[in-house]
Amino acid sequence: MECRLDIVAGYKEGKSFVKNLYVGKPFRVVSVGQRKLDNKLYQMTMTSSPGILNGDEYILNIDVEDNAALQLQSQSYQRLFNMDDEATQKLTINIHNNASFAYVPHPVVPHENSNFKSSAAITIGENSQIIISEIITCGRKHSGEVFKLKRFQNLTEIYHQNKLVVKDNVLIQPDLIPISSIGILENYTHQGSFIFFSTKPDTDKVALVETLLETAKKHTNVEIGISVLDGNGFVIRALSQGGEAMYNYFLAAQDLLWEL
């Protein structure tokens, strides 16, 4: 089933607002920024479906116009159910000039025999920034279902001035990759990736990395490493035995970077 969501964030009279919105089943979008003191836009995606099913095709288009700032949130953990074939997701994000976008969703829970392929194609303008992350769990851990999925893949590409500046490909395929071996996940059951990229000339990525490393010390049960990119950004890799600890750290990182 095709499931479509289109959001255009505009900017007018000093405030970001929902300029255009299209939601197809099973999506809903609600505003969650009523108590925020800034003029940025905060939206939460909700769904009436229990999760992503075999044959589902999720298509999400996000457009953040000049000077706008959109933070997209998720409602809960995303479940990937048993699949005979596969399900897909295609995320397209266009961030214009002097704009900001952030998306730090809840963890993904791949059930036994799930097969999911996701891609994110992102373009970013001048003096702008993006924050985007993902957390993948081992499955229904407390039911004894640990890495019983068929395949999970998420490809993220960020373009600036028609040039590919960031490419990140996460692949989990237990029948080909020994998940618990040294150099992979070892004994951890959750892994996460957090990407920050900015075209703002005054962004001090080294200072930000140092601050995020200090912040990680306050979040127990999460191991992180940060790789600085050639451009103005970095990638955080995280390992944990639980999704909540990692998710809370990613939220703390988002809060820090969102104020830039």
C-alpha atoms as a PDB file:
ATOM      1  CA  MET A   1       0.000   0.000   0.000  1.00  0.00           C
ATOM      2  CA  GLU A   2       1.304   3.469  -0.869  1.00  0.00           C
ATOM      3  CA  CYS A   3       1.420   5.736   2.182  1.00  0.00           C
ATOM      4  CA  ARG A   4       2.194   9.363   1.406  1.00  0.00           C
ATOM      5  CA  LEU A   5       3.045  12.419   3.476  1.00  0.00           C
ATOM      6  CA  ASP A   6       3.963  15.869   2.096  1.00  0.00           C
ATOM      7  CA  ILE A   7       4.882  18.839   4.304  1.00  0.00           C
ATOM      8  CA  VAL A   8       5.938  22.326   3.224  1.00  0.00           C
ATOM      9  CA  ALA A   9       7.225  24.603   5.985  1.00  0.00           C
ATOM     10  CA  GLY A  10       7.011  28.291   5.112  1.00  0.00           C
ATOM     11  CA  TYR A  11       8.130  31.487   6.810  1.00  0.00           C
ATOM     12  CA  LYS A  12       6.111  34.665   7.176  1.00  0.00           C
ATOM     13  CA  GLU A  13       6.182  37.650   9.515  1.00  0.00           C
ATOM     14  CA  GLY A  14       8.988  36.178  11.613  1.00  0.00           C
ATOM     15  CA  LYS A  15       7.407  32.747  12.139  1.00  0.00           C
ATOM     16  CA  SER A  16       7.599  29.306  10.559  1.00  0.00           C
ATOM     17  CA  PHE A  17       4.249  27.764   9.656  1.00  0.00           C
ATOM     18  CA  VAL A  18       2.684  24.848   7.788  1.00  0.00           C
ATOM     19  CA  LYS A  19       2.326  26.221   4.284  1.00  0.00           C
ATOM     20  CA  ASN A  20       1.081  23.016   2.719  1.00  0.00           C
ATOM     21  CA  LEU A  21       0.213  19.586   4.074  1.00  0.00           C
ATOM     22  CA  TYR A  22      -0.978  16.385   2.438  1.00  0.00           C
ATOM     23  CA  VAL A  23      -1.502  13.195   4.430  1.00  0.00           C
ATOM     24  CA  GLY A  24      -2.620   9.873   3.038  1.00  0.00           C
ATOM     25  CA  LYS A  25      -3.614   6.855   5.107  1.00  0.00           C
ATOM     26  CA  PRO A  26      -2.411   5.886   7.678  1.00  0.00           C
ATOM     27  CA  PHE A  27      -0.668   9.221   8.462  1.00  0.00           C
ATOM     28  CA  ARG A  28      -1.725  12.106  10.638  1.00  0.00           C
ATOM     29  CA  VAL A  29       0.280  15.218  11.523  1.00  0.00           C
ATOM     30  CA  VAL A  30      -0.312  17.325  14.628  1.00  0.00           C
ATOM     31  CA  SER A  31       1.327  20.457  15.988  1.00  0.00           C
ATOM     32  CA  VAL A  32       3.348  19.966  19.192  1.00  0.00           C
ATOM     33  CA  GLY A  33       5.021  23.351  19.555  1.00  0.00           C
ATOM     34  CA  GLN A  34       2.361  25.248  21.459  1.00  0.00           C
ATOM     35  CA  ARG A  35       4.570  25.696  24.541  1.00  0.00           C
ATOM     36  CA  LYS A  36       7.719  26.625  22.637  1.00  0.00           C
ATOM     37  CA  LEU A  37       8.930  30.191  23.085  1.00  0.00           C
ATOM     38  CA  ASP A  38      10.653  30.411  19.694  1.00  0.00           C
ATOM     39  CA  ASN A  39       9.028  30.931  16.301  1.00  0.00           C
ATOM     40  CA  LYS A  40      10.065  27.586  14.842  1.00  0.00           C
ATOM     41  CA  LEU A  41       7.686  24.867  13.657  1.00  0.00           C
ATOM     42  CA  TYR A  42       7.217  21.604  15.579  1.00  0.00           C
ATOM     43  CA  GLN A  43       5.154  18.803  14.050  1.00  0.00           C
ATOM     44  CA  MET A  44       4.566  15.173  15.049  1.00  0.00           C
ATOM     45  CA  THR A  45       3.777  12.376  12.612  1.00  0.00           C
ATOM     46  CA  MET A  46       1.210   9.840  13.799  1.00  0.00           C
ATOM     47  CA  THR A  47      -0.176   6.724  12.173  1.00  0.00           C
ATOM     48  CA  SER A  48      -3.220   4.516  12.654  1.00  0.00           C
ATOM     49  CA  SER A  49      -1.249   1.465  11.492  1.00  0.00           C
ATOM     50  CA  PRO A  50       0.424  -0.808  14.077  1.00  0.00           C
ATOM     51  CA  GLY A  51       3.572  -0.698  11.960  1.00  0.00           C
ATOM     52  CA  ILE A  52       4.999  -1.181   8.481  1.00  0.00           C
ATOM     53  CA  LEU A  53       3.598  -4.233   6.709  1.00  0.00           C
ATOM     54  CA  ASN A  54       4.592  -6.352   3.748  1.00  0.00           C
ATOM     55  CA  GLY A  55       4.216  -4.394   0.513  1.00  0.00           C
ATOM     56  CA  ASP A  56       3.983  -0.981   2.184  1.00  0.00           C
ATOM     57  CA  GLU A  57       5.583   1.889   0.297  1.00  0.00           C
ATOM     58  CA  TYR A  58       6.111   4.961   2.463  1.00  0.00           C
ATOM     59  CA  ILE A  59       6.757   8.196   0.556  1.00  0.00           C
ATOM     60  CA  LEU A  60       7.614  11.308   2.582  1.00  0.00           C
ATOM     61  CA  ASN A  61       8.386  14.677   1.019  1.00  0.00           C
ATOM     62  CA  ILE A  62       9.622  17.508   3.236  1.00  0.00           C
ATOM     63  CA  ASP A  63      10.216  21.032   1.921  1.00  0.00           C
ATOM     64  CA  VAL A  64      11.641  23.706   4.242  1.00  0.00           C
ATOM     65  CA  GLU A  65      11.491  27.080   2.541  1.00  0.00           C
ATOM     66  CA  ASP A  66      13.834  30.049   3.001  1.00  0.00           C
ATOM     67  CA  ASN A  67      14.229  31.149   6.652  1.00  0.00           C
ATOM     68  CA  ALA A  68      11.929  28.401   7.963  1.00  0.00           C
ATOM     69  CA  ALA A  69      12.775  25.925  10.733  1.00  0.00           C
ATOM     70  CA  LEU A  70      10.946  22.583  11.041  1.00  0.00           C
ATOM     71  CA  GLN A  71      11.453  19.943  13.713  1.00  0.00           C
ATOM     72  CA  LEU A  72       9.631  16.708  12.894  1.00  0.00           C
ATOM     73  CA  GLN A  73       8.924  14.236  15.685  1.00  0.00           C
ATOM     74  CA  SER A  74       7.602  10.680  15.785  1.00  0.00           C
ATOM     75  CA  GLN A  75       4.841   9.306  17.976  1.00  0.00           C
ATOM     76  CA  SER A  76       6.357   5.988  19.062  1.00  0.00           C
ATOM     77  CA  TYR A  77       8.595   3.092  18.112  1.00  0.00           C
ATOM     78  CA  GLN A  78       8.246   2.003  14.475  1.00  0.00           C
ATOM     79  CA  ARG A  79       7.578  -1.712  14.058  1.00  0.00           C
ATOM     80  CA  LEU A  80       8.513  -3.661  10.931  1.00  0.00           C
ATOM     81  CA  PHE A  81       6.332  -6.762  10.751  1.00  0.00           C
ATOM     82  CA  ASN A  82       6.912 -10.201   9.255  1.00  0.00           C
ATOM     83  CA  MET A  83       7.151  -9.924   5.465  1.00  0.00           C
ATOM     84  CA  ASP A  84       6.942 -12.361   2.577  1.00  0.00           C
ATOM     85  CA  ASP A  85       8.573  -9.811   0.274  1.00  0.00           C
ATOM     86  CA  GLU A  86       9.625  -6.329   1.469  1.00  0.00           C
ATOM     87  CA  ALA A  87       8.525  -2.823   2.437  1.00  0.00           C
ATOM     88  CA  THR A  88      10.163   0.433   1.385  1.00  0.00           C
ATOM     89  CA  GLN A  89      10.419   4.039   2.453  1.00  0.00           C
ATOM     90  CA  LYS A  90      11.546   6.992   0.345  1.00  0.00           C
ATOM     91  CA  LEU A  91      12.269  10.252   2.151  1.00  0.00           C
ATOM     92  CA  THR A  92      12.970  13.405   0.149  1.00  0.00           C
ATOM     93  CA  ILE A  93      14.027  16.554   2.008  1.00  0.00           C
ATOM     94  CA  ASN A  94      14.658  19.931   0.418  1.00  0.00           C
ATOM     95  CA  ILE A  95      16.133  22.539   2.777  1.00  0.00           C
ATOM     96  CA  HIS A  96      16.324  26.012   1.249  1.00  0.00           C
ATOM     97  CA  ASN A  97      18.539  28.939   2.307  1.00  0.00           C
ATOM     98  CA  ASN A  98      18.749  30.097   5.946  1.00  0.00           C
ATOM     99  CA  ALA A  99      16.641  27.103   6.955  1.00  0.00           C
ATOM    100  CA  SER A 100      16.812  24.305   9.521  1.00  0.00           C
ATOM    101  CA  PHE A 101      15.367  20.806   9.691  1.00  0.00           C
ATOM    102  CA  ALA A 102      15.578  18.165  12.408  1.00  0.00           C
ATOM    103  CA  TYR A 103      14.202  14.623  12.551  1.00  0.00           C
ATOM    104  CA  VAL A 104      15.123  12.380  15.487  1.00  0.00           C
ATOM    105  CA  PRO A 105      12.550   9.562  15.428  1.00  0.00           C
ATOM    106  CA  HIS A 106      11.949   6.790  17.945  1.00  0.00           C
ATOM    107  CA  PRO A 107      13.790   3.490  17.407  1.00  0.00           C
ATOM    108  CA  VAL A 108      12.834   0.980  14.723  1.00  0.00           C
ATOM    109  CA  VAL A 109      11.856  -2.550  15.842  1.00  0.00           C
ATOM    110  CA  PRO A 110      12.365  -5.112  13.044  1.00  0.00           C
ATOM    111  CA  HIS A 111      10.312  -8.249  13.710  1.00  0.00           C
ATOM    112  CA  GLU A 112      11.308 -11.728  12.586  1.00  0.00           C
ATOM    113  CA  ASN A 113      11.543 -12.058   8.773  1.00  0.00           C
ATOM    114  CA  SER A 114      11.081  -8.323   8.173  1.00  0.00           C
ATOM    115  CA  ASN A 115      12.736  -6.896   5.060  1.00  0.00           C
ATOM    116  CA  PHE A 116      12.916  -3.110   4.880  1.00  0.00           C
ATOM    117  CA  LYS A 117      14.734  -0.755   2.549  1.00  0.00           C
ATOM    118  CA  SER A 118      14.779   2.993   3.202  1.00  0.00           C
ATOM    119  CA  SER A 119      16.433   5.903   1.431  1.00  0.00           C
ATOM    120  CA  ALA A 120      16.753   9.604   2.210  1.00  0.00           C
ATOM    121  CA  ALA A 121      17.731  12.098  -0.493  1.00  0.00           C
ATOM    122  CA  ILE A 122      18.473  15.511   1.026  1.00  0.00           C
ATOM    123  CA  THR A 123      19.400  18.819  -0.579  1.00  0.00           C
ATOM    124  CA  ILE A 124      20.563  21.735   1.536  1.00  0.00           C
ATOM    125  CA  GLY A 125      20.945  25.404   0.667  1.00  0.00           C
ATOM    126  CA  GLU A 126      23.196  28.138   2.003  1.00  0.00           C
ATOM    127  CA  ASN A 127      23.454  29.052   5.689  1.00  0.00           C
ATOM    128  CA  SER A 128      21.284  26.067   6.619  1.00  0.00           C
ATOM    129  CA  GLN A 129      21.526  22.893   8.676  1.00  0.00           C
ATOM    130  CA  ILE A 130      20.084  19.409   9.048  1.00  0.00           C
ATOM    131  CA  ILE A 131      19.842  16.993  11.964  1.00  0.00           C
ATOM    132  CA  ILE A 132      18.691  13.452  11.165  1.00  0.00           C
ATOM    133  CA  SER A 133      19.049  10.153  13.008  1.00  0.00           C
ATOM    134  CA  GLU A 134      17.955   6.540  13.233  1.00  0.00           C
ATOM    135  CA  ILE A 135      18.070   3.846  15.913  1.00  0.00           C
ATOM    136  CA  ILE A 136      17.717   0.164  15.058  1.00  0.00           C
ATOM    137  CA  THR A 137      16.859  -2.379  17.734  1.00  0.00           C
ATOM    138  CA  CYS A 138      17.534  -6.105  17.585  1.00  0.00           C
ATOM    139  CA  GLY A 139      13.812  -6.901  17.483  1.00  0.00           C
ATOM    140  CA  ARG A 140      11.489  -8.053  20.246  1.00  0.00           C
ATOM    141  CA  LYS A 141      14.324  -8.689  22.665  1.00  0.00           C
ATOM    142  CA  HIS A 142      12.209  -9.692  25.658  1.00  0.00           C
ATOM    143  CA  SER A 143      10.416 -12.299  23.554  1.00  0.00           C
ATOM    144  CA  GLY A 144      13.713 -13.898  22.617  1.00  0.00           C
ATOM    145  CA  GLU A 145      13.624 -12.422  19.116  1.00  0.00           C
ATOM    146  CA  VAL A 146      17.152 -11.068  18.591  1.00  0.00           C
ATOM    147  CA  PHE A 147      18.248 -10.152  15.055  1.00  0.00           C
ATOM    148  CA  LYS A 148      15.768 -12.481  13.386  1.00  0.00           C
ATOM    149  CA  LEU A 149      15.090  -9.950  10.615  1.00  0.00           C
ATOM    150  CA  LYS A 150      15.901 -10.751   6.997  1.00  0.00           C
ATOM    151  CA  ARG A 151      17.338  -7.381   6.052  1.00  0.00           C
ATOM    152  CA  PHE A 152      17.368  -3.720   7.040  1.00  0.00           C
ATOM    153  CA  GLN A 153      18.959  -1.009   4.931  1.00  0.00           C
ATOM    154  CA  ASN A 154      18.916   2.767   5.152  1.00  0.00           C
ATOM    155  CA  LEU A 155      20.802   4.921   2.661  1.00  0.00           C
ATOM    156  CA  THR A 156      21.176   8.649   3.417  1.00  0.00           C
ATOM    157  CA  GLU A 157      22.601  11.112   0.907  1.00  0.00           C
ATOM    158  CA  ILE A 158      23.021  14.865   1.414  1.00  0.00           C
ATOM    159  CA  TYR A 159      23.683  17.206  -1.510  1.00  0.00           C
ATOM    160  CA  HIS A 160      24.940  20.791  -1.419  1.00  0.00           C
ATOM    161  CA  GLN A 161      25.409  22.867  -4.573  1.00  0.00           C
ATOM    162  CA  ASN A 162      24.605  19.739  -6.645  1.00  0.00           C
ATOM    163  CA  LYS A 163      27.499  17.894  -5.001  1.00  0.00           C
ATOM    164  CA  LEU A 164      27.218  14.808  -2.803  1.00  0.00           C
ATOM    165  CA  VAL A 165      28.673  15.840   0.577  1.00  0.00           C
ATOM    166  CA  VAL A 166      27.433  13.038   2.861  1.00  0.00           C
ATOM    167  CA  LYS A 167      26.649   9.404   2.092  1.00  0.00           C
ATOM    168  CA  ASP A 168      25.773   6.962   4.845  1.00  0.00           C
ATOM    169  CA  ASN A 169      24.656   3.386   4.204  1.00  0.00           C
ATOM    170  CA  VAL A 170      23.499   1.230   7.118  1.00  0.00           C
ATOM    171  CA  LEU A 171      22.930  -2.448   6.333  1.00  0.00           C
ATOM    172  CA  ILE A 172      21.924  -5.199   8.734  1.00  0.00           C
ATOM    173  CA  GLN A 173      21.591  -8.632   7.154  1.00  0.00           C
ATOM    174  CA  PRO A 174      22.247 -11.367   9.735  1.00  0.00           C
ATOM    175  CA  ASP A 175      22.595 -14.209   7.219  1.00  0.00           C
ATOM    176  CA  LEU A 176      25.545 -12.395   5.578  1.00  0.00           C
ATOM    177  CA  ILE A 177      26.992 -10.255   8.375  1.00  0.00           C
ATOM    178  CA  PRO A 178      27.894 -11.832  11.768  1.00  0.00           C
ATOM    179  CA  ILE A 179      26.113  -9.265  13.939  1.00  0.00           C
ATOM    180  CA  SER A 180      27.779 -10.235  17.229  1.00  0.00           C
ATOM    181  CA  SER A 181      31.340 -10.451  15.924  1.00  0.00           C
ATOM    182  CA  ILE A 182      34.189  -8.089  16.806  1.00  0.00           C
ATOM    183  CA  GLY A 183      34.005  -4.886  14.786  1.00  0.00           C
ATOM    184  CA  ILE A 184      30.257  -5.172  14.166  1.00  0.00           C
ATOM    185  CA  LEU A 185      27.869  -4.928  17.150  1.00  0.00           C
ATOM    186  CA  GLU A 186      29.731  -7.358  19.426  1.00  0.00           C
ATOM    187  CA  ASN A 187      27.327  -7.925  22.365  1.00  0.00           C
ATOM    188  CA  TYR A 188      25.214  -4.825  21.848  1.00  0.00           C
ATOM    189  CA  THR A 189      21.613  -5.090  20.680  1.00  0.00           C
ATOM    190  CA  HIS A 190      20.924  -1.523  19.530  1.00  0.00           C
ATOM    191  CA  GLN A 191      22.782   0.708  17.126  1.00  0.00           C
ATOM    192  CA  GLY A 192      22.197   4.297  16.112  1.00  0.00           C
ATOM    193  CA  SER A 193      23.415   6.935  13.679  1.00  0.00           C
ATOM    194  CA  PHE A 194      23.047  10.690  14.112  1.00  0.00           C
ATOM    195  CA  ILE A 195      24.030  13.023  11.261  1.00  0.00           C
ATOM    196  CA  PHE A 196      24.576  16.766  11.553  1.00  0.00           C
ATOM    197  CA  PHE A 197      25.514  18.872   8.549  1.00  0.00           C
ATOM    198  CA  SER A 198      25.621  22.656   8.316  1.00  0.00           C
ATOM    199  CA  THR A 199      26.375  25.195   5.608  1.00  0.00           C
ATOM    200  CA  LYS A 200      26.550  28.009   8.154  1.00  0.00           C
ATOM    201  CA  PRO A 201      30.036  29.560   7.966  1.00  0.00           C
ATOM    202  CA  ASP A 202      30.327  30.187  11.708  1.00  0.00           C
ATOM    203  CA  THR A 203      29.599  26.615  12.842  1.00  0.00           C
ATOM    204  CA  ASP A 204      32.459  25.323  15.020  1.00  0.00           C
ATOM    205  CA  LYS A 205      32.169  21.564  14.539  1.00  0.00           C
ATOM    206  CA  VAL A 206      35.187  20.777  16.739  1.00  0.00           C
ATOM    207  CA  ALA A 207      33.701  22.619  19.723  1.00  0.00           C
ATOM    208  CA  LEU A 208      30.333  20.951  19.114  1.00  0.00           C
ATOM    209  CA  VAL A 209      31.922  17.505  19.061  1.00  0.00           C
ATOM    210  CA  GLU A 210      33.668  18.190  22.364  1.00  0.00           C
ATOM    211  CA  THR A 211      30.394  19.323  23.922  1.00  0.00           C
ATOM    212  CA  LEU A 212      28.556  16.242  22.661  1.00  0.00           C
ATOM    213  CA  LEU A 213      31.246  13.963  24.063  1.00  0.00           C
ATOM    214  CA  GLU A 214      30.825  15.644  27.438  1.00  0.00           C
ATOM    215  CA  THR A 215      27.046  15.324  27.154  1.00  0.00           C
ATOM    216  CA  ALA A 216      27.413  11.583  26.519  1.00  0.00           C
ATOM    217  CA  LYS A 217      29.032  11.164  29.949  1.00  0.00           C
ATOM    218  CA  LYS A 218      25.692  12.089  31.519  1.00  0.00           C
ATOM    219  CA  HIS A 219      23.905   9.316  29.600  1.00  0.00           C
ATOM    220  CA  THR A 220      24.763   5.900  30.984  1.00  0.00           C
ATOM    221  CA  ASN A 221      24.523   2.630  29.034  1.00  0.00           C
ATOM    222  CA  VAL A 222      25.382   4.287  25.725  1.00  0.00           C
ATOM    223  CA  GLU A 223      28.721   4.012  23.917  1.00  0.00           C
ATOM    224  CA  ILE A 224      29.379   6.633  21.227  1.00  0.00           C
ATOM    225  CA  GLY A 225      31.983   7.658  18.701  1.00  0.00           C
ATOM    226  CA  ILE A 226      31.976  10.795  16.560  1.00  0.00           C
ATOM    227  CA  SER A 227      33.478  11.145  13.084  1.00  0.00           C
ATOM    228  CA  VAL A 228      34.065  14.657  11.761  1.00  0.00           C
ATOM    229  CA  LEU A 229      33.085  15.152   8.111  1.00  0.00           C
ATOM    230  CA  ASP A 230      35.092  16.978   5.459  1.00  0.00           C
ATOM    231  CA  GLY A 231      32.353  19.593   5.367  1.00  0.00           C
ATOM    232  CA  ASN A 232      30.837  21.371   8.330  1.00  0.00           C
ATOM    233  CA  GLY A 233      29.354  18.430  10.164  1.00  0.00           C
ATOM    234  CA  PHE A 234      29.816  15.057  11.842  1.00  0.00           C
ATOM    235  CA  VAL A 235      28.290  11.615  12.354  1.00  0.00           C
ATOM    236  CA  ILE A 236      27.636  10.071  15.762  1.00  0.00           C
ATOM    237  CA  ARG A 237      27.619   6.265  15.997  1.00  0.00           C
ATOM    238  CA  ALA A 238      26.076   4.760  19.108  1.00  0.00           C
ATOM    239  CA  LEU A 239      25.767   1.289  20.638  1.00  0.00           C
ATOM    240  CA  SER A 240      23.593   0.257  23.552  1.00  0.00           C
ATOM    241  CA  GLN A 241      21.611  -2.548  25.161  1.00  0.00           C
ATOM    242  CA  GLY A 242      18.437  -0.476  25.085  1.00  0.00           C
ATOM    243  CA  GLY A 243      16.653   1.979  22.832  1.00  0.00           C
ATOM    244  CA  GLU A 244      15.501   4.542  25.401  1.00  0.00           C
ATOM    245  CA  ALA A 245      18.991   5.426  26.633  1.00  0.00           C
ATOM    246  CA  MET A 246      20.229   6.026  23.097  1.00  0.00           C
ATOM    247  CA  TYR A 247      17.088   7.914  22.094  1.00  0.00           C
ATOM    248  CA  ASN A 248      17.410  10.237  25.086  1.00  0.00           C
ATOM    249  CA  TYR A 249      21.025  11.000  24.188  1.00  0.00           C
ATOM    250  CA  PHE A 250      20.070  11.760  20.592  1.00  0.00           C
ATOM    251  CA  LEU A 251      17.338  14.099  21.858  1.00  0.00           C
ATOM    252  CA  ALA A 252      19.901  15.894  24.027  1.00  0.00           C
ATOM    253  CA  ALA A 253      22.197  16.254  21.001  1.00  0.00           C
ATOM    254  CA  GLN A 254      19.294  17.591  18.950  1.00  0.00           C
ATOM    255  CA  ASP A 255      18.434  20.170  21.630  1.00  0.00           C
ATOM    256  CA  LEU A 256      21.996  21.460  21.598  1.00  0.00           C
ATOM    257  CA  LEU A 257      22.261  21.729  17.814  1.00  0.00           C
ATOM    258  CA  TRP A 258      18.735  23.052  17.293  1.00  0.00           C
ATOM    259  CA  GLU A 259      19.668  26.286  19.048  1.00  0.00           C
ATOM    260  CA  LEU A 260      22.431  27.114  16.556  1.00  0.00           C
END
